[in-house]
C-alpha atoms as a PDB file:
ATOM      1  CA  MET A   1       7.056   5.610 -14.572  1.00  0.00           C
ATOM      2  CA  LYS A   2      10.560   5.378 -13.131  1.00  0.00           C
ATOM      3  CA  ALA A   3      11.280   3.074 -10.186  1.00  0.00           C
ATOM      4  CA  ILE A   4      12.195   4.705  -6.870  1.00  0.00           C
ATOM      5  CA  TYR A   5      14.101   1.586  -5.800  1.00  0.00           C
ATOM      6  CA  THR A   6      15.494  -1.278  -7.855  1.00  0.00           C
ATOM      7  CA  MET A   7      17.012  -4.286  -6.123  1.00  0.00           C
ATOM      8  CA  TRP A   8      18.414  -7.447  -7.665  1.00  0.00           C
ATOM      9  CA  GLY A   9      17.854 -10.572  -5.630  1.00  0.00           C
ATOM     10  CA  ALA A  10      17.962 -14.340  -5.838  1.00  0.00           C
ATOM     11  CA  GLY A  11      16.408 -15.059  -9.229  1.00  0.00           C
ATOM     12  CA  ALA A  12      14.343 -11.884  -9.325  1.00  0.00           C
ATOM     13  CA  MET A  13      14.385  -8.116  -9.574  1.00  0.00           C
ATOM     14  CA  LEU A  14      12.294  -5.920  -7.263  1.00  0.00           C
ATOM     15  CA  GLU A  15      11.177  -2.521  -8.527  1.00  0.00           C
ATOM     16  CA  VAL A  16       9.412  -0.132  -6.173  1.00  0.00           C
ATOM     17  CA  PHE A  17       7.317   2.670  -7.618  1.00  0.00           C
ATOM     18  CA  GLU A  18       5.317   5.429  -5.937  1.00  0.00           C
ATOM     19  CA  ASP A  19       2.190   3.300  -5.515  1.00  0.00           C
ATOM     20  CA  LYS A  20       3.138  -0.297  -6.368  1.00  0.00           C
ATOM     21  CA  LEU A  21       5.955  -2.820  -6.593  1.00  0.00           C
ATOM     22  CA  ALA A  22       6.922  -5.332  -9.250  1.00  0.00           C
ATOM     23  CA  ILE A  23       8.747  -8.638  -8.790  1.00  0.00           C
ATOM     24  CA  THR A  24      10.217  -9.936 -12.051  1.00  0.00           C
ATOM     25  CA  PRO A  25      11.823 -13.385 -12.269  1.00  0.00           C
ATOM     26  CA  LYS A  26      15.344 -13.246 -13.737  1.00  0.00           C
ATOM     27  CA  GLY A  27      17.799 -15.855 -14.856  1.00  0.00           C
ATOM     28  CA  LEU A  28      17.780 -19.618 -14.496  1.00  0.00           C
ATOM     29  CA  SER A  29      16.936 -19.628 -10.788  1.00  0.00           C
ATOM     30  CA  GLY A  30      13.998 -17.267 -11.442  1.00  0.00           C
ATOM     31  CA  PHE A  31      12.701 -19.674 -14.059  1.00  0.00           C
ATOM     32  CA  PHE A  32      13.339 -22.691 -11.821  1.00  0.00           C
ATOM     33  CA  PHE A  33      11.497 -21.325  -8.771  1.00  0.00           C
ATOM     34  CA  ARG A  34       8.851 -19.124 -10.412  1.00  0.00           C
ATOM     35  CA  GLY A  35       8.396 -20.710 -13.828  1.00  0.00           C
ATOM     36  CA  LEU A  36       7.059 -18.609 -16.684  1.00  0.00           C
ATOM     37  CA  LYS A  37       4.725 -16.471 -14.570  1.00  0.00           C
ATOM     38  CA  GLY A  38       6.268 -13.158 -15.563  1.00  0.00           C
ATOM     39  CA  THR A  39       6.215  -9.944 -13.552  1.00  0.00           C
ATOM     40  CA  LYS A  40       4.000  -9.805 -10.472  1.00  0.00           C
ATOM     41  CA  THR A  41       2.749  -6.268  -9.789  1.00  0.00           C
ATOM     42  CA  ILE A  42       1.320  -5.512  -6.351  1.00  0.00           C
ATOM     43  CA  PRO A  43      -0.334  -2.163  -5.599  1.00  0.00           C
ATOM     44  CA  PHE A  44       0.518  -0.872  -2.107  1.00  0.00           C
ATOM     45  CA  PHE A  45      -3.152  -0.547  -1.138  1.00  0.00           C
ATOM     46  CA  ALA A  46      -3.472  -4.334  -1.601  1.00  0.00           C
ATOM     47  CA  ILE A  47      -0.657  -5.178   0.848  1.00  0.00           C
ATOM     48  CA  SER A  48      -1.854  -5.943   4.376  1.00  0.00           C
ATOM     49  CA  ALA A  49       1.567  -6.727   5.898  1.00  0.00           C
ATOM     50  CA  ILE A  50       5.272  -7.009   5.089  1.00  0.00           C
ATOM     51  CA  GLN A  51       7.529  -9.595   6.657  1.00  0.00           C
ATOM     52  CA  PHE A  52      11.264  -8.890   6.606  1.00  0.00           C
ATOM     53  CA  LYS A  53      13.936 -11.518   7.261  1.00  0.00           C
ATOM     54  CA  LYS A  54      17.476 -10.236   7.461  1.00  0.00           C
ATOM     55  CA  SER A  55      20.048 -11.833   5.186  1.00  0.00           C
ATOM     56  CA  GLY A  56      22.771 -13.649   7.072  1.00  0.00           C
ATOM     57  CA  LEU A  57      23.635 -17.347   7.015  1.00  0.00           C
ATOM     58  CA  THR A  58      20.615 -17.809   4.758  1.00  0.00           C
ATOM     59  CA  LYS A  59      19.078 -15.490   2.210  1.00  0.00           C
ATOM     60  CA  GLY A  60      16.875 -12.681   3.453  1.00  0.00           C
ATOM     61  CA  TYR A  61      13.447 -11.871   2.131  1.00  0.00           C
ATOM     62  CA  LEU A  62      10.659  -9.345   1.906  1.00  0.00           C
ATOM     63  CA  GLN A  63       7.317 -11.123   1.922  1.00  0.00           C
ATOM     64  CA  PHE A  64       4.176  -9.206   0.996  1.00  0.00           C
ATOM     65  CA  THR A  65       0.907 -10.421   2.525  1.00  0.00           C
ATOM     66  CA  LEU A  66      -2.219  -9.870   0.460  1.00  0.00           C
ATOM     67  CA  PRO A  67      -5.795 -10.345   1.722  1.00  0.00           C
ATOM     68  CA  GLY A  68      -6.892 -13.831   0.738  1.00  0.00           C
ATOM     69  CA  GLY A  69      -3.308 -14.689  -0.186  1.00  0.00           C
ATOM     70  CA  ASN A  70      -1.617 -17.928   0.672  1.00  0.00           C
ATOM     71  CA  GLU A  71       1.880 -16.800   1.577  1.00  0.00           C
ATOM     72  CA  SER A  72       4.383 -19.255   2.938  1.00  0.00           C
ATOM     73  CA  LYS A  73       4.606 -19.478   6.715  1.00  0.00           C
ATOM     74  CA  ARG A  74       7.430 -22.012   6.889  1.00  0.00           C
ATOM     75  CA  GLY A  75      10.454 -19.726   6.744  1.00  0.00           C
ATOM     76  CA  VAL A  76      13.120 -19.069   4.159  1.00  0.00           C
ATOM     77  CA  TYR A  77      13.037 -22.439   2.417  1.00  0.00           C
ATOM     78  CA  ALA A  78       9.317 -22.281   1.657  1.00  0.00           C
ATOM     79  CA  ALA A  79       9.541 -18.571   0.792  1.00  0.00           C
ATOM     80  CA  VAL A  80      11.694 -19.424  -2.233  1.00  0.00           C
ATOM     81  CA  SER A  81       8.674 -20.496  -4.266  1.00  0.00           C
ATOM     82  CA  ASP A  82       6.191 -17.907  -2.922  1.00  0.00           C
ATOM     83  CA  GLU A  83       5.266 -15.475  -5.714  1.00  0.00           C
ATOM     84  CA  ASN A  84       4.755 -12.624  -3.202  1.00  0.00           C
ATOM     85  CA  THR A  85       8.249 -12.969  -1.741  1.00  0.00           C
ATOM     86  CA  PHE A  86      11.440 -11.283  -2.898  1.00  0.00           C
ATOM     87  CA  MET A  87      14.622 -13.027  -1.745  1.00  0.00           C
ATOM     88  CA  PHE A  88      18.065 -11.440  -1.526  1.00  0.00           C
ATOM     89  CA  ALA A  89      21.592 -11.987  -0.214  1.00  0.00           C
ATOM     90  CA  GLY A  90      23.414  -9.219   1.654  1.00  0.00           C
ATOM     91  CA  GLN A  91      21.750  -5.874   0.882  1.00  0.00           C
ATOM     92  CA  ASN A  92      19.980  -5.644   4.268  1.00  0.00           C
ATOM     93  CA  LYS A  93      20.270  -1.853   4.345  1.00  0.00           C
ATOM     94  CA  ILE A  94      18.401  -1.257   1.070  1.00  0.00           C
ATOM     95  CA  ALA A  95      15.865  -3.996   1.925  1.00  0.00           C
ATOM     96  CA  ILE A  96      15.020  -2.163   5.171  1.00  0.00           C
ATOM     97  CA  GLU A  97      14.765   1.155   3.270  1.00  0.00           C
ATOM     98  CA  ILE A  98      12.370  -0.463   0.791  1.00  0.00           C
ATOM     99  CA  LYS A  99      10.283  -2.023   3.585  1.00  0.00           C
ATOM    100  CA  ASP A 100      10.074   1.309   5.423  1.00  0.00           C
ATOM    101  CA  TYR A 101       9.153   3.184   2.230  1.00  0.00           C
ATOM    102  CA  ILE A 102       6.374   0.745   1.326  1.00  0.00           C
ATOM    103  CA  GLU A 103       4.959   0.783   4.868  1.00  0.00           C
ATOM    104  CA  LYS A 104       4.972   4.593   4.859  1.00  0.00           C
ATOM    105  CA  ARG A 105       3.168   4.702   1.491  1.00  0.00           C
ATOM    106  CA  MET A 106       0.666   2.039   2.655  1.00  0.00           C
ATOM    107  CA  HIS A 107      -0.148   4.227   5.662  1.00  0.00           C
ATOM    108  CA  GLU A 108      -0.493   7.361   3.499  1.00  0.00           C
ATOM    109  CA  LEU A 109      -2.762   5.596   1.009  1.00  0.00           C
ATOM    110  CA  ARG A 110      -5.026   4.396   3.818  1.00  0.00           C
ATOM    111  CA  GLN A 111      -5.503   7.865   5.318  1.00  0.00           C
ATOM    112  CA  PRO A 112      -8.889   9.405   4.547  1.00  0.00           C
ATOM    113  CA  GLN A 113      -8.609  12.063   1.903  1.00  0.00           C
ATOM    114  CA  SER A 114      -9.915  15.409   3.088  1.00  0.00           C
ATOM    115  CA  THR A 115     -11.992  17.314   0.635  1.00  0.00           C
ATOM    116  CA  THR A 116     -11.330  20.980   0.382  1.00  0.00           C
ATOM    117  CA  SER A 117     -14.369  23.152   0.108  1.00  0.00           C
ATOM    118  CA  ASN A 118     -14.535  26.452  -1.702  1.00  0.00           C
ATOM    119  CA  HIS A 119     -17.508  27.401   0.446  1.00  0.00           C
ATOM    120  CA  SER A 120     -17.129  29.357   3.661  1.00  0.00           C
ATOM    121  CA  ILE A 121     -19.025  28.518   6.822  1.00  0.00           C
ATOM    122  CA  ALA A 122     -21.206  31.582   6.166  1.00  0.00           C
ATOM    123  CA  ASP A 123     -22.089  30.237   2.699  1.00  0.00           C
ATOM    124  CA  GLU A 124     -23.020  26.858   4.146  1.00  0.00           C
ATOM    125  CA  LEU A 125     -25.155  28.464   6.854  1.00  0.00           C
ATOM    126  CA  GLN A 126     -26.932  30.634   4.284  1.00  0.00           C
ATOM    127  CA  LYS A 127     -27.781  27.521   2.274  1.00  0.00           C
ATOM    128  CA  LEU A 128     -29.251  25.967   5.412  1.00  0.00           C
ATOM    129  CA  VAL A 129     -31.351  29.087   6.112  1.00  0.00           C
ATOM    130  CA  ASP A 130     -32.654  29.011   2.533  1.00  0.00           C
ATOM    131  CA  ILE A 131     -33.519  25.299   2.731  1.00  0.00           C
ATOM    132  CA  LYS A 132     -35.289  25.831   6.073  1.00  0.00           C
ATOM    133  CA  ALA A 133     -37.205  28.832   4.663  1.00  0.00           C
ATOM    134  CA  LYS A 134     -38.490  26.583   1.841  1.00  0.00           C
ATOM    135  CA  GLY A 135     -39.828  24.177   4.462  1.00  0.00           C
ATOM    136  CA  ILE A 136     -37.473  21.354   3.521  1.00  0.00           C
ATOM    137  CA  LEU A 137     -35.806  21.255   6.970  1.00  0.00           C
ATOM    138  CA  SER A 138     -37.518  21.211  10.336  1.00  0.00           C
ATOM    139  CA  GLU A 139     -36.169  23.404  13.160  1.00  0.00           C
ATOM    140  CA  GLU A 140     -34.518  20.336  14.744  1.00  0.00           C
ATOM    141  CA  GLU A 141     -32.859  19.304  11.463  1.00  0.00           C
ATOM    142  CA  PHE A 142     -31.738  22.881  10.883  1.00  0.00           C
ATOM    143  CA  GLN A 143     -30.148  23.142  14.361  1.00  0.00           C
ATOM    144  CA  ALA A 144     -28.395  19.750  13.991  1.00  0.00           C
ATOM    145  CA  ALA A 145     -27.003  20.662  10.553  1.00  0.00           C
ATOM    146  CA  LYS A 146     -25.915  24.058  11.844  1.00  0.00           C
ATOM    147  CA  ARG A 147     -23.998  22.400  14.725  1.00  0.00           C
ATOM    148  CA  ARG A 148     -22.240  20.069  12.252  1.00  0.00           C
ATOM    149  CA  ILE A 149     -21.152  22.995  10.056  1.00  0.00           C
ATOM    150  CA  ILE A 150     -19.965  25.178  12.911  1.00  0.00           C
ATOM    151  CA  GLY A 151     -18.240  22.229  14.555  1.00  0.00           C
END
Protein backbone atom coordinates (compact mmCIF):
# COMPACT_ATOMS: atom_id res chain seq x y z
CA MET A 1 0.00 0.00 0.00
CA LYS A 2 1.38 3.39 -1.00
CA ALA A 3 1.48 6.25 1.52
CA ILE A 4 -0.80 9.23 0.88
CA TYR A 5 1.53 11.50 2.86
CA THR A 6 5.17 11.06 3.82
CA MET A 7 6.83 13.58 6.12
CA TRP A 8 10.36 13.56 7.50
CA GLY A 9 10.69 14.94 10.99
CA ALA A 10 13.06 15.13 13.92
CA GLY A 11 14.48 11.61 14.10
CA ALA A 12 11.48 9.96 12.48
CA MET A 13 9.45 9.53 9.32
CA LEU A 14 5.65 9.75 9.32
CA GLU A 15 3.73 7.83 6.67
CA VAL A 16 -0.02 8.28 6.37
CA PHE A 17 -2.06 5.62 4.61
CA GLU A 18 -5.79 5.38 3.89
CA ASP A 19 -6.62 3.81 7.26
CA LYS A 20 -3.50 4.04 9.43
CA LEU A 21 -0.25 5.89 10.06
CA ALA A 22 3.27 4.70 10.74
CA ILE A 23 6.00 6.48 12.70
CA THR A 24 9.46 5.07 11.95
CA PRO A 25 12.53 6.20 13.91
CA LYS A 26 15.34 7.38 11.62
CA GLY A 27 18.93 8.33 12.18
CA LEU A 28 20.90 8.86 15.36
CA SER A 29 18.32 11.10 17.03
CA GLY A 30 15.59 8.52 16.30
CA PHE A 31 17.71 5.87 17.98
CA PHE A 32 18.57 8.19 20.88
CA PHE A 33 14.98 9.19 21.68
CA ARG A 34 13.07 6.07 20.61
CA GLY A 35 15.65 3.31 20.96
CA LEU A 36 15.25 0.13 18.93
CA LYS A 37 11.45 0.05 19.02
CA GLY A 38 10.99 0.07 15.26
CA THR A 39 7.96 1.33 13.36
CA LYS A 40 4.84 2.19 15.35
CA THR A 41 1.67 1.63 13.31
CA ILE A 42 -1.55 3.24 14.54
CA PRO A 43 -4.89 2.49 12.86
CA PHE A 44 -7.11 5.58 12.59
CA PHE A 45 -10.00 3.89 14.40
CA ALA A 46 -7.72 3.60 17.47
CA ILE A 47 -6.96 7.35 17.64
CA SER A 48 -9.21 9.28 20.02
CA ALA A 49 -7.60 12.72 19.54
CA ILE A 50 -4.81 14.55 17.72
CA GLN A 51 -2.87 17.39 19.27
CA PHE A 52 -1.05 19.74 16.90
CA LYS A 53 1.67 22.17 17.98
CA LYS A 54 2.89 24.54 15.31
CA SER A 55 6.62 24.62 14.61
CA GLY A 56 8.21 27.95 15.42
CA LEU A 57 10.89 28.73 17.99
CA THR A 58 10.66 25.09 19.04
CA LYS A 59 9.85 22.00 17.04
CA GLY A 60 6.22 21.30 16.23
CA TYR A 61 4.48 18.01 16.76
CA LEU A 62 1.51 15.84 15.97
CA GLN A 63 0.57 13.79 19.02
CA PHE A 64 -1.87 10.90 18.65
CA THR A 65 -3.94 10.01 21.71
CA LEU A 66 -4.94 6.37 22.06
CA PRO A 67 -7.47 5.02 24.58
CA GLY A 68 -5.54 3.81 27.60
CA GLY A 69 -2.41 5.51 26.27
CA ASN A 70 -0.02 7.50 28.38
CA GLU A 71 0.86 10.38 26.10
CA SER A 72 2.99 13.22 27.36
CA LYS A 73 1.12 16.23 28.70
CA ARG A 74 4.15 18.38 29.47
CA GLY A 75 4.68 20.09 26.12
CA VAL A 76 7.33 19.83 23.44
CA TYR A 77 10.22 18.71 25.63
CA ALA A 78 8.37 15.69 27.02
CA ALA A 79 6.84 14.92 23.61
CA VAL A 80 10.30 14.11 22.25
CA SER A 81 10.30 10.68 23.88
CA ASP A 82 6.58 9.89 23.42
CA GLU A 83 6.20 7.01 20.95
CA ASN A 84 2.82 8.36 19.73
CA THR A 85 4.25 11.77 18.83
CA PHE A 86 5.80 12.86 15.55
CA MET A 87 8.03 15.94 15.83
CA PHE A 88 9.01 18.24 12.97
CA ALA A 89 10.66 21.57 12.18
CA GLY A 90 9.07 23.97 9.69
CA GLN A 91 6.58 22.06 7.51
CA ASN A 92 3.50 23.44 9.32
CA LYS A 93 1.43 23.42 6.13
CA ILE A 94 1.83 19.69 5.43
CA ALA A 95 1.45 18.87 9.15
CA ILE A 96 -1.94 20.64 9.17
CA GLU A 97 -2.95 18.80 5.95
CA ILE A 98 -2.02 15.48 7.57
CA LYS A 99 -3.91 16.34 10.78
CA ASP A 100 -7.01 17.35 8.80
CA TYR A 101 -6.84 14.21 6.64
CA ILE A 102 -6.54 11.88 9.64
CA GLU A 103 -9.39 13.62 11.48
CA LYS A 104 -11.59 13.35 8.38
CA ARG A 105 -10.81 9.63 8.02
CA MET A 106 -11.39 9.06 11.76
CA HIS A 107 -14.84 10.64 11.39
CA GLU A 108 -15.64 8.56 8.29
CA LEU A 109 -14.54 5.33 9.96
CA ARG A 110 -16.76 6.05 12.96
CA GLN A 111 -19.90 6.62 10.89
CA PRO A 112 -22.35 3.72 10.99
CA GLN A 113 -22.24 1.72 7.81
CA SER A 114 -25.61 1.52 6.12
CA THR A 115 -26.56 -1.82 4.74
CA THR A 116 -28.15 -1.84 1.37
CA SER A 117 -31.05 -4.18 0.96
CA ASN A 118 -32.04 -5.89 -2.25
CA HIS A 119 -35.55 -6.28 -0.87
CA SER A 120 -38.27 -3.75 -1.55
CA ILE A 121 -40.68 -2.55 1.10
CA ALA A 122 -43.37 -4.68 -0.56
CA ASP A 123 -41.15 -7.78 -0.22
CA GLU A 124 -40.55 -7.06 3.45
CA LEU A 125 -44.27 -6.52 4.08
CA GLN A 126 -45.12 -9.78 2.31
CA LYS A 127 -42.68 -11.63 4.56
CA LEU A 128 -44.41 -10.11 7.58
CA VAL A 129 -47.85 -11.18 6.29
CA ASP A 130 -46.55 -14.72 5.76
CA ILE A 131 -45.02 -14.87 9.25
CA LYS A 132 -48.25 -13.55 10.80
CA ALA A 133 -50.32 -16.07 8.80
CA LYS A 134 -48.18 -18.88 10.29
CA GLY A 135 -49.05 -17.61 13.76
CA ILE A 136 -45.49 -16.58 14.61
CA LEU A 137 -46.40 -12.88 15.06
CA SER A 138 -49.28 -11.46 17.05
CA GLU A 139 -51.35 -8.61 15.58
CA GLU A 140 -49.50 -6.12 17.81
CA GLU A 141 -46.07 -7.43 16.75
CA PHE A 142 -47.16 -7.39 13.12
CA GLN A 143 -48.34 -3.75 13.32
CA ALA A 144 -45.14 -2.64 15.11
CA ALA A 145 -42.91 -4.39 12.54
CA LYS A 146 -44.97 -2.95 9.71
CA ARG A 147 -44.51 0.60 11.11
CA ARG A 148 -40.73 0.05 11.32
CA ILE A 149 -40.55 -1.11 7.69
CA ILE A 150 -42.73 1.67 6.32
CA GLY A 151 -40.93 4.24 8.44
